[in-house]
């Protein structure tokens, strides 16, 4: 079992506490088999609420179960139970951990931030509940603070936890 941490980096303008909207958020990852090094051709998705049964394990489950089409081995991954870590203005422009996963027989090698996130305005605490990062960036206007807000240049990095 390997624990991998996904860290993200972004340029935040007048917002902080960027985090996926809720536990049903679909994470889209690029995955590679640790046995044969074969990469899955498409991003795979998983969320923190749904678990699937792992074959061969007595009652064990994981948030993601995958059988490599090349070597036919089954692999799995499970989110750590700790809450997601919000990306704050303090980390602006630097990598900061978002989530950790227990991986068995696979490695995550990419992350697509598509989907709804949420964040908070820095000056007046305005809540932005539908931050759509499908295009890799988001812009809006904070009516309370009278300033533009944005999340740009999102990047990811995987590392051992």
N, C-alpha and C. Protein backbone atom coordinates (compact mmCIF):
# COMPACT_ATOMS: atom_id res chain seq x y z
N UNK A 1 0.85 -1.17 0.00
CA UNK A 1 0.00 0.00 0.00
C UNK A 1 0.90 1.24 0.00
N UNK A 2 0.54 2.16 -0.87
CA UNK A 2 1.26 3.42 -0.97
C UNK A 2 0.27 4.55 -0.71
N UNK A 3 0.66 5.50 0.10
CA UNK A 3 -0.18 6.68 0.32
C UNK A 3 0.35 7.80 -0.56
N UNK A 4 -0.53 8.32 -1.42
CA UNK A 4 -0.17 9.42 -2.30
C UNK A 4 -0.98 10.66 -1.93
N UNK A 5 -0.32 11.80 -1.94
CA UNK A 5 -0.98 13.07 -1.66
C UNK A 5 -1.04 13.89 -2.92
N UNK A 6 -2.24 14.38 -3.22
CA UNK A 6 -2.43 15.30 -4.33
C UNK A 6 -2.27 16.72 -3.79
N UNK A 7 -1.33 17.45 -4.34
CA UNK A 7 -1.14 18.85 -4.00
C UNK A 7 -1.53 19.69 -5.20
N UNK A 8 -2.14 20.84 -4.93
CA UNK A 8 -2.50 21.73 -6.03
C UNK A 8 -1.83 23.08 -5.84
N UNK A 9 -1.71 23.78 -6.95
CA UNK A 9 -1.17 25.14 -6.96
C UNK A 9 -2.07 25.96 -7.85
N UNK A 10 -2.38 27.18 -7.45
CA UNK A 10 -3.23 28.05 -8.26
C UNK A 10 -2.89 29.50 -7.95
N UNK A 11 -3.30 30.36 -8.86
CA UNK A 11 -3.21 31.80 -8.62
C UNK A 11 -4.59 32.28 -8.22
N UNK A 12 -4.74 32.67 -6.95
CA UNK A 12 -6.01 33.16 -6.43
C UNK A 12 -6.00 34.69 -6.42
N UNK A 13 -7.10 35.26 -6.88
CA UNK A 13 -7.25 36.72 -6.83
C UNK A 13 -8.45 37.05 -5.97
N UNK A 14 -8.20 37.64 -4.82
CA UNK A 14 -9.23 38.11 -3.89
C UNK A 14 -10.15 37.00 -3.35
N UNK A 15 -9.71 35.74 -3.39
CA UNK A 15 -10.46 34.62 -2.80
C UNK A 15 -9.51 33.73 -2.02
N UNK A 16 -10.08 32.92 -1.14
CA UNK A 16 -9.31 31.96 -0.35
C UNK A 16 -10.18 30.74 -0.07
N UNK A 17 -9.62 29.74 0.56
CA UNK A 17 -10.33 28.52 0.97
C UNK A 17 -10.98 27.79 -0.21
N UNK A 18 -10.22 27.60 -1.29
CA UNK A 18 -10.69 26.86 -2.45
C UNK A 18 -10.69 25.38 -2.12
N UNK A 19 -11.87 24.75 -2.30
CA UNK A 19 -12.02 23.33 -1.96
C UNK A 19 -13.18 22.76 -2.78
N UNK A 20 -13.14 21.46 -3.12
CA UNK A 20 -14.29 20.88 -3.81
C UNK A 20 -15.58 21.14 -3.03
N UNK A 21 -16.70 21.28 -3.76
CA UNK A 21 -17.96 21.74 -3.17
C UNK A 21 -18.52 20.85 -2.07
N UNK A 22 -18.39 19.52 -2.19
CA UNK A 22 -18.88 18.62 -1.15
C UNK A 22 -18.27 17.23 -1.32
N UNK A 23 -18.66 16.28 -0.46
CA UNK A 23 -18.09 14.93 -0.50
C UNK A 23 -18.50 14.14 -1.74
N UNK A 24 -19.55 14.58 -2.45
CA UNK A 24 -19.95 13.88 -3.65
C UNK A 24 -19.20 14.40 -4.88
N UNK A 25 -18.26 15.33 -4.68
CA UNK A 25 -17.44 15.86 -5.78
C UNK A 25 -16.74 14.71 -6.49
N UNK A 26 -16.85 14.69 -7.82
CA UNK A 26 -16.17 13.67 -8.62
C UNK A 26 -14.75 14.13 -8.95
N UNK A 27 -13.78 13.41 -8.41
CA UNK A 27 -12.37 13.64 -8.74
C UNK A 27 -12.06 12.89 -10.02
N UNK A 28 -11.38 13.54 -10.96
CA UNK A 28 -10.96 12.88 -12.20
C UNK A 28 -9.44 12.78 -12.20
N UNK A 29 -8.95 11.53 -12.20
CA UNK A 29 -7.53 11.26 -12.11
C UNK A 29 -7.04 10.48 -13.33
N UNK A 30 -5.79 10.70 -13.69
CA UNK A 30 -5.10 9.87 -14.66
C UNK A 30 -4.40 8.80 -13.83
N UNK A 31 -4.54 7.51 -14.25
CA UNK A 31 -4.04 6.41 -13.42
C UNK A 31 -3.10 5.51 -14.23
N UNK A 32 -2.13 4.92 -13.49
CA UNK A 32 -1.15 4.01 -14.09
C UNK A 32 -1.03 2.77 -13.23
N UNK A 33 -0.96 1.60 -13.86
CA UNK A 33 -0.77 0.33 -13.17
C UNK A 33 0.68 0.25 -12.67
N UNK A 34 0.85 -0.05 -11.38
CA UNK A 34 2.20 -0.16 -10.82
C UNK A 34 2.88 -1.46 -11.23
N UNK A 35 2.10 -2.46 -11.64
CA UNK A 35 2.66 -3.75 -12.02
C UNK A 35 3.30 -3.72 -13.41
N UNK A 36 2.52 -3.25 -14.41
CA UNK A 36 3.01 -3.29 -15.79
C UNK A 36 3.29 -1.90 -16.37
N UNK A 37 3.02 -0.85 -15.59
CA UNK A 37 3.25 0.54 -16.00
C UNK A 37 2.31 1.04 -17.10
N UNK A 38 1.25 0.29 -17.38
CA UNK A 38 0.27 0.68 -18.39
C UNK A 38 -0.59 1.82 -17.84
N UNK A 39 -0.79 2.86 -18.65
CA UNK A 39 -1.64 3.98 -18.26
C UNK A 39 -3.04 3.77 -18.80
N UNK A 40 -4.03 4.07 -17.97
CA UNK A 40 -5.41 4.01 -18.42
C UNK A 40 -5.59 5.10 -19.48
N UNK A 41 -6.26 4.79 -20.61
CA UNK A 41 -6.34 5.77 -21.70
C UNK A 41 -7.17 7.02 -21.40
N UNK A 42 -8.07 6.95 -20.43
CA UNK A 42 -8.94 8.08 -20.12
C UNK A 42 -8.85 8.39 -18.63
N UNK A 43 -9.22 9.62 -18.24
CA UNK A 43 -9.30 9.91 -16.81
C UNK A 43 -10.38 9.05 -16.15
N UNK A 44 -10.13 8.63 -14.92
CA UNK A 44 -11.11 7.85 -14.16
C UNK A 44 -11.68 8.74 -13.08
N UNK A 45 -12.91 8.45 -12.65
CA UNK A 45 -13.51 9.30 -11.62
C UNK A 45 -13.85 8.50 -10.38
N UNK A 46 -13.84 9.21 -9.26
CA UNK A 46 -14.21 8.62 -7.98
C UNK A 46 -14.61 9.75 -7.04
N UNK A 47 -15.43 9.41 -6.03
CA UNK A 47 -15.78 10.40 -5.02
C UNK A 47 -15.64 9.79 -3.63
N UNK A 48 -15.76 10.62 -2.62
CA UNK A 48 -15.53 10.18 -1.25
C UNK A 48 -16.72 9.47 -0.62
N UNK A 49 -17.87 9.43 -1.30
CA UNK A 49 -19.07 8.81 -0.73
C UNK A 49 -19.29 7.37 -1.18
N UNK A 50 -19.00 7.08 -2.44
CA UNK A 50 -19.30 5.75 -2.98
C UNK A 50 -18.11 4.82 -2.83
N UNK A 51 -18.40 3.63 -2.29
CA UNK A 51 -17.36 2.60 -2.17
C UNK A 51 -17.80 1.36 -2.93
N UNK A 52 -16.82 0.66 -3.46
CA UNK A 52 -17.06 -0.56 -4.20
C UNK A 52 -16.32 -1.71 -3.52
N UNK A 53 -16.85 -2.91 -3.70
CA UNK A 53 -16.24 -4.08 -3.09
C UNK A 53 -14.97 -4.46 -3.85
N UNK A 54 -13.94 -4.84 -3.09
CA UNK A 54 -12.69 -5.30 -3.67
C UNK A 54 -12.75 -6.82 -3.71
N UNK A 55 -12.56 -7.41 -4.89
CA UNK A 55 -12.62 -8.88 -4.99
C UNK A 55 -11.41 -9.48 -4.28
N UNK A 56 -11.63 -10.60 -3.63
CA UNK A 56 -10.57 -11.27 -2.90
C UNK A 56 -10.38 -10.74 -1.48
N UNK A 57 -10.94 -9.61 -1.19
CA UNK A 57 -10.82 -9.06 0.16
C UNK A 57 -12.08 -9.36 0.93
N UNK A 58 -11.94 -9.88 2.12
CA UNK A 58 -13.10 -10.23 2.94
C UNK A 58 -13.78 -8.97 3.46
N UNK A 59 -14.81 -8.54 2.76
CA UNK A 59 -15.56 -7.37 3.19
C UNK A 59 -14.85 -6.05 2.98
N UNK A 60 -13.72 -6.06 2.29
CA UNK A 60 -13.01 -4.80 2.10
C UNK A 60 -13.59 -4.03 0.90
N UNK A 61 -13.47 -2.73 0.99
CA UNK A 61 -14.01 -1.88 -0.07
C UNK A 61 -13.04 -0.74 -0.34
N UNK A 62 -13.27 -0.07 -1.47
CA UNK A 62 -12.44 1.07 -1.85
C UNK A 62 -13.29 2.05 -2.64
N UNK A 63 -12.83 3.26 -2.73
CA UNK A 63 -13.56 4.27 -3.50
C UNK A 63 -13.34 4.09 -5.00
N UNK A 64 -12.26 3.40 -5.37
CA UNK A 64 -11.96 3.14 -6.77
C UNK A 64 -11.38 1.74 -6.90
N UNK A 65 -11.96 0.93 -7.77
CA UNK A 65 -11.47 -0.42 -8.04
C UNK A 65 -11.29 -0.52 -9.56
N UNK A 66 -10.11 -0.99 -9.97
CA UNK A 66 -9.78 -1.01 -11.39
C UNK A 66 -9.01 -2.28 -11.73
N UNK A 67 -9.41 -2.92 -12.81
CA UNK A 67 -8.67 -4.07 -13.33
C UNK A 67 -7.92 -3.60 -14.56
N UNK A 68 -6.59 -3.69 -14.52
CA UNK A 68 -5.75 -3.26 -15.64
C UNK A 68 -6.06 -4.11 -16.86
N UNK A 69 -6.31 -3.48 -17.97
CA UNK A 69 -6.67 -4.22 -19.19
C UNK A 69 -5.45 -4.94 -19.78
N UNK A 70 -4.25 -4.54 -19.40
CA UNK A 70 -3.05 -5.17 -19.96
C UNK A 70 -2.61 -6.39 -19.14
N UNK A 71 -2.42 -6.22 -17.82
CA UNK A 71 -1.92 -7.34 -17.00
C UNK A 71 -3.04 -8.06 -16.25
N UNK A 72 -4.26 -7.53 -16.30
CA UNK A 72 -5.48 -8.13 -15.71
C UNK A 72 -5.48 -8.15 -14.18
N UNK A 73 -4.58 -7.45 -13.54
CA UNK A 73 -4.57 -7.39 -12.08
C UNK A 73 -5.56 -6.34 -11.59
N UNK A 74 -6.15 -6.62 -10.43
CA UNK A 74 -7.08 -5.66 -9.84
C UNK A 74 -6.34 -4.75 -8.86
N UNK A 75 -6.66 -3.47 -8.94
CA UNK A 75 -6.04 -2.47 -8.09
C UNK A 75 -7.13 -1.62 -7.45
N UNK A 76 -6.78 -0.93 -6.38
CA UNK A 76 -7.80 -0.12 -5.70
C UNK A 76 -7.18 1.10 -5.04
N UNK A 77 -8.05 2.06 -4.73
CA UNK A 77 -7.63 3.26 -4.03
C UNK A 77 -8.75 3.70 -3.11
N UNK A 78 -8.36 4.28 -1.99
CA UNK A 78 -9.34 4.74 -1.01
C UNK A 78 -8.89 6.08 -0.44
N UNK A 79 -9.83 7.01 -0.35
CA UNK A 79 -9.52 8.31 0.26
C UNK A 79 -9.25 8.12 1.74
N UNK A 80 -8.30 8.88 2.27
CA UNK A 80 -8.10 8.94 3.71
C UNK A 80 -9.35 9.57 4.33
N UNK A 81 -9.64 9.26 5.57
CA UNK A 81 -10.85 9.76 6.20
C UNK A 81 -10.75 11.23 6.62
N UNK A 82 -9.57 11.77 6.63
CA UNK A 82 -9.41 13.18 7.02
C UNK A 82 -10.11 14.10 6.02
N UNK A 83 -10.57 15.26 6.48
CA UNK A 83 -11.26 16.18 5.57
C UNK A 83 -10.31 16.76 4.52
N UNK A 84 -10.89 17.21 3.42
CA UNK A 84 -10.10 17.86 2.38
C UNK A 84 -9.48 19.13 2.94
N UNK A 85 -8.29 19.46 2.47
CA UNK A 85 -7.60 20.66 2.93
C UNK A 85 -7.85 21.78 1.92
N UNK A 86 -8.41 22.87 2.38
CA UNK A 86 -8.70 24.00 1.51
C UNK A 86 -7.40 24.67 1.06
N UNK A 87 -7.38 25.12 -0.18
CA UNK A 87 -6.25 25.87 -0.71
C UNK A 87 -6.47 27.33 -0.35
N UNK A 88 -5.58 27.90 0.43
CA UNK A 88 -5.78 29.25 0.97
C UNK A 88 -4.91 30.29 0.27
N UNK A 89 -5.24 31.53 0.52
CA UNK A 89 -4.46 32.64 -0.02
C UNK A 89 -3.01 32.58 0.47
N UNK A 90 -2.77 32.00 1.65
CA UNK A 90 -1.41 31.85 2.17
C UNK A 90 -0.55 30.97 1.27
N UNK A 91 -1.18 30.03 0.56
CA UNK A 91 -0.46 29.13 -0.34
C UNK A 91 -0.41 29.65 -1.77
N UNK A 92 -1.01 30.79 -2.02
CA UNK A 92 -1.17 31.32 -3.37
C UNK A 92 0.11 31.20 -4.20
N UNK A 93 0.02 30.50 -5.34
CA UNK A 93 1.16 30.33 -6.22
C UNK A 93 2.12 29.23 -5.82
N UNK A 94 1.83 28.53 -4.72
CA UNK A 94 2.68 27.43 -4.24
C UNK A 94 1.84 26.17 -4.09
N UNK A 95 2.50 25.02 -4.14
CA UNK A 95 1.79 23.76 -3.96
C UNK A 95 1.40 23.57 -2.49
N UNK A 96 0.17 23.06 -2.29
CA UNK A 96 -0.33 22.75 -0.95
C UNK A 96 -1.17 21.48 -1.05
N UNK A 97 -1.12 20.59 -0.04
CA UNK A 97 -1.87 19.33 -0.10
C UNK A 97 -3.38 19.55 -0.11
N UNK A 98 -4.07 18.73 -0.92
CA UNK A 98 -5.53 18.77 -0.99
C UNK A 98 -6.14 17.51 -0.39
N UNK A 99 -5.63 16.34 -0.81
CA UNK A 99 -6.22 15.07 -0.39
C UNK A 99 -5.16 13.97 -0.45
N UNK A 100 -5.33 12.95 0.42
CA UNK A 100 -4.43 11.80 0.44
C UNK A 100 -5.23 10.54 0.18
N UNK A 101 -4.65 9.63 -0.60
CA UNK A 101 -5.31 8.36 -0.94
C UNK A 101 -4.38 7.19 -0.65
N UNK A 102 -4.98 6.08 -0.15
CA UNK A 102 -4.27 4.81 -0.02
C UNK A 102 -4.40 4.09 -1.35
N UNK A 103 -3.28 3.77 -1.98
CA UNK A 103 -3.30 3.14 -3.31
C UNK A 103 -2.70 1.75 -3.23
N UNK A 104 -3.37 0.81 -3.85
CA UNK A 104 -2.89 -0.58 -3.89
C UNK A 104 -2.74 -1.00 -5.35
N UNK A 105 -1.49 -1.08 -5.81
CA UNK A 105 -1.21 -1.56 -7.15
C UNK A 105 -1.37 -0.53 -8.25
N UNK A 106 -1.61 0.70 -7.89
CA UNK A 106 -1.76 1.75 -8.91
C UNK A 106 -1.15 3.04 -8.43
N UNK A 107 -0.91 3.93 -9.37
CA UNK A 107 -0.43 5.27 -9.05
C UNK A 107 -1.30 6.27 -9.80
N UNK A 108 -1.61 7.36 -9.16
CA UNK A 108 -2.28 8.45 -9.85
C UNK A 108 -1.19 9.37 -10.39
N UNK A 109 -1.33 9.76 -11.64
CA UNK A 109 -0.28 10.55 -12.28
C UNK A 109 -0.78 11.88 -12.83
N UNK A 110 -2.07 12.15 -12.69
CA UNK A 110 -2.63 13.41 -13.16
C UNK A 110 -3.94 13.71 -12.46
N UNK A 111 -4.39 14.95 -12.58
CA UNK A 111 -5.64 15.38 -11.96
C UNK A 111 -6.28 16.43 -12.85
N UNK A 112 -7.58 16.25 -13.11
CA UNK A 112 -8.36 17.21 -13.86
C UNK A 112 -9.32 17.88 -12.88
N UNK A 113 -9.19 19.20 -12.65
CA UNK A 113 -10.00 19.86 -11.62
C UNK A 113 -11.44 20.14 -12.01
N UNK A 114 -11.93 19.57 -13.13
CA UNK A 114 -13.31 19.86 -13.57
C UNK A 114 -14.31 19.62 -12.46
N UNK A 115 -15.39 20.36 -12.50
CA UNK A 115 -16.44 20.21 -11.50
C UNK A 115 -16.60 21.46 -10.65
N UNK A 116 -17.52 21.39 -9.71
CA UNK A 116 -17.82 22.54 -8.86
C UNK A 116 -16.99 22.55 -7.59
N UNK A 117 -16.37 23.69 -7.35
CA UNK A 117 -15.60 23.96 -6.16
C UNK A 117 -16.29 25.11 -5.43
N UNK A 118 -15.77 25.46 -4.28
CA UNK A 118 -16.27 26.63 -3.57
C UNK A 118 -15.08 27.38 -2.99
N UNK A 119 -15.28 28.67 -2.76
CA UNK A 119 -14.25 29.49 -2.14
C UNK A 119 -14.91 30.69 -1.48
N UNK A 120 -14.11 31.50 -0.81
CA UNK A 120 -14.60 32.64 -0.04
C UNK A 120 -13.84 33.90 -0.43
N UNK A 121 -14.55 35.00 -0.56
CA UNK A 121 -13.91 36.28 -0.83
C UNK A 121 -13.04 36.71 0.33
N UNK A 122 -11.87 37.25 0.04
CA UNK A 122 -10.91 37.62 1.08
C UNK A 122 -11.39 38.83 1.88
N UNK A 123 -11.90 39.85 1.22
CA UNK A 123 -12.21 41.11 1.90
C UNK A 123 -13.49 41.07 2.72
N UNK A 124 -14.59 40.58 2.17
CA UNK A 124 -15.90 40.64 2.84
C UNK A 124 -16.47 39.26 3.18
N UNK A 125 -15.72 38.18 2.89
CA UNK A 125 -16.21 36.84 3.22
C UNK A 125 -17.33 36.34 2.33
N UNK A 126 -17.48 36.92 1.14
CA UNK A 126 -18.51 36.49 0.19
C UNK A 126 -18.30 35.02 -0.15
N UNK A 127 -19.37 34.23 -0.09
CA UNK A 127 -19.29 32.81 -0.42
C UNK A 127 -19.55 32.62 -1.90
N UNK A 128 -18.66 31.91 -2.57
CA UNK A 128 -18.83 31.53 -3.96
C UNK A 128 -18.98 30.01 -3.97
N UNK A 129 -20.23 29.55 -4.14
CA UNK A 129 -20.54 28.13 -3.99
C UNK A 129 -20.45 27.34 -5.29
N UNK A 130 -20.40 28.02 -6.42
CA UNK A 130 -20.35 27.31 -7.70
C UNK A 130 -19.18 27.80 -8.54
N UNK A 131 -18.00 27.41 -8.12
CA UNK A 131 -16.77 27.74 -8.83
C UNK A 131 -16.50 26.59 -9.80
N UNK A 132 -16.79 26.80 -11.08
CA UNK A 132 -16.66 25.75 -12.09
C UNK A 132 -15.26 25.80 -12.71
N UNK A 133 -14.45 24.80 -12.41
CA UNK A 133 -13.08 24.74 -12.92
C UNK A 133 -12.95 23.80 -14.12
N UNK A 134 -14.05 23.51 -14.80
CA UNK A 134 -14.03 22.62 -15.96
C UNK A 134 -13.05 23.13 -17.01
N UNK A 135 -12.99 24.43 -17.20
CA UNK A 135 -12.07 25.03 -18.18
C UNK A 135 -10.68 25.30 -17.59
N UNK A 136 -10.48 24.92 -16.32
CA UNK A 136 -9.18 25.11 -15.69
C UNK A 136 -9.00 26.47 -15.04
N UNK A 137 -10.01 27.33 -15.15
CA UNK A 137 -9.95 28.64 -14.51
C UNK A 137 -11.36 29.15 -14.26
N UNK A 138 -11.47 30.16 -13.40
CA UNK A 138 -12.77 30.73 -13.05
C UNK A 138 -12.58 32.21 -12.73
N UNK A 139 -13.51 33.02 -13.20
CA UNK A 139 -13.50 34.44 -12.88
C UNK A 139 -14.92 34.89 -12.52
N UNK A 140 -15.01 35.89 -11.65
CA UNK A 140 -16.31 36.43 -11.23
C UNK A 140 -16.05 37.82 -10.65
N UNK A 141 -17.07 38.36 -10.02
CA UNK A 141 -16.95 39.68 -9.40
C UNK A 141 -17.59 39.62 -8.02
N UNK A 142 -16.87 40.11 -7.01
CA UNK A 142 -17.37 40.15 -5.64
C UNK A 142 -18.13 41.47 -5.47
N UNK A 143 -19.46 41.38 -5.48
CA UNK A 143 -20.32 42.57 -5.39
C UNK A 143 -20.15 43.30 -4.06
N UNK A 144 -19.96 42.55 -2.97
CA UNK A 144 -19.82 43.17 -1.64
C UNK A 144 -18.53 43.98 -1.53
N UNK A 145 -17.42 43.41 -2.04
CA UNK A 145 -16.12 44.06 -1.91
C UNK A 145 -15.78 44.93 -3.12
N UNK A 146 -16.57 44.81 -4.19
CA UNK A 146 -16.34 45.57 -5.43
C UNK A 146 -14.96 45.29 -6.03
N UNK A 147 -14.61 44.00 -6.10
CA UNK A 147 -13.33 43.60 -6.69
C UNK A 147 -13.53 42.36 -7.57
N UNK A 148 -12.70 42.21 -8.61
CA UNK A 148 -12.75 40.97 -9.39
C UNK A 148 -12.16 39.82 -8.58
N UNK A 149 -12.67 38.62 -8.82
CA UNK A 149 -12.15 37.43 -8.14
C UNK A 149 -11.85 36.38 -9.21
N UNK A 150 -10.84 35.56 -8.94
CA UNK A 150 -10.52 34.52 -9.92
C UNK A 150 -9.67 33.41 -9.32
N UNK A 151 -9.72 32.27 -10.00
CA UNK A 151 -8.83 31.13 -9.75
C UNK A 151 -8.24 30.79 -11.11
N UNK A 152 -6.93 30.91 -11.24
CA UNK A 152 -6.26 30.72 -12.52
C UNK A 152 -5.04 29.79 -12.36
N UNK A 153 -4.57 29.28 -13.49
CA UNK A 153 -3.31 28.53 -13.57
C UNK A 153 -3.23 27.38 -12.57
N UNK A 154 -4.28 26.57 -12.52
CA UNK A 154 -4.30 25.44 -11.58
C UNK A 154 -3.35 24.36 -12.08
N UNK A 155 -2.53 23.84 -11.19
CA UNK A 155 -1.59 22.75 -11.47
C UNK A 155 -1.70 21.72 -10.36
N UNK A 156 -1.24 20.50 -10.66
CA UNK A 156 -1.24 19.47 -9.62
C UNK A 156 0.11 18.78 -9.56
N UNK A 157 0.34 18.14 -8.44
CA UNK A 157 1.56 17.35 -8.23
C UNK A 157 1.21 16.21 -7.28
N UNK A 158 1.66 15.02 -7.62
CA UNK A 158 1.46 13.85 -6.75
C UNK A 158 2.77 13.56 -6.03
N UNK A 159 2.67 13.18 -4.76
CA UNK A 159 3.84 12.80 -3.99
C UNK A 159 3.48 11.76 -2.94
N UNK A 160 4.48 11.07 -2.47
CA UNK A 160 4.25 10.08 -1.40
C UNK A 160 3.94 10.82 -0.10
N UNK A 161 2.94 10.31 0.60
CA UNK A 161 2.51 10.96 1.86
C UNK A 161 3.42 10.56 3.00
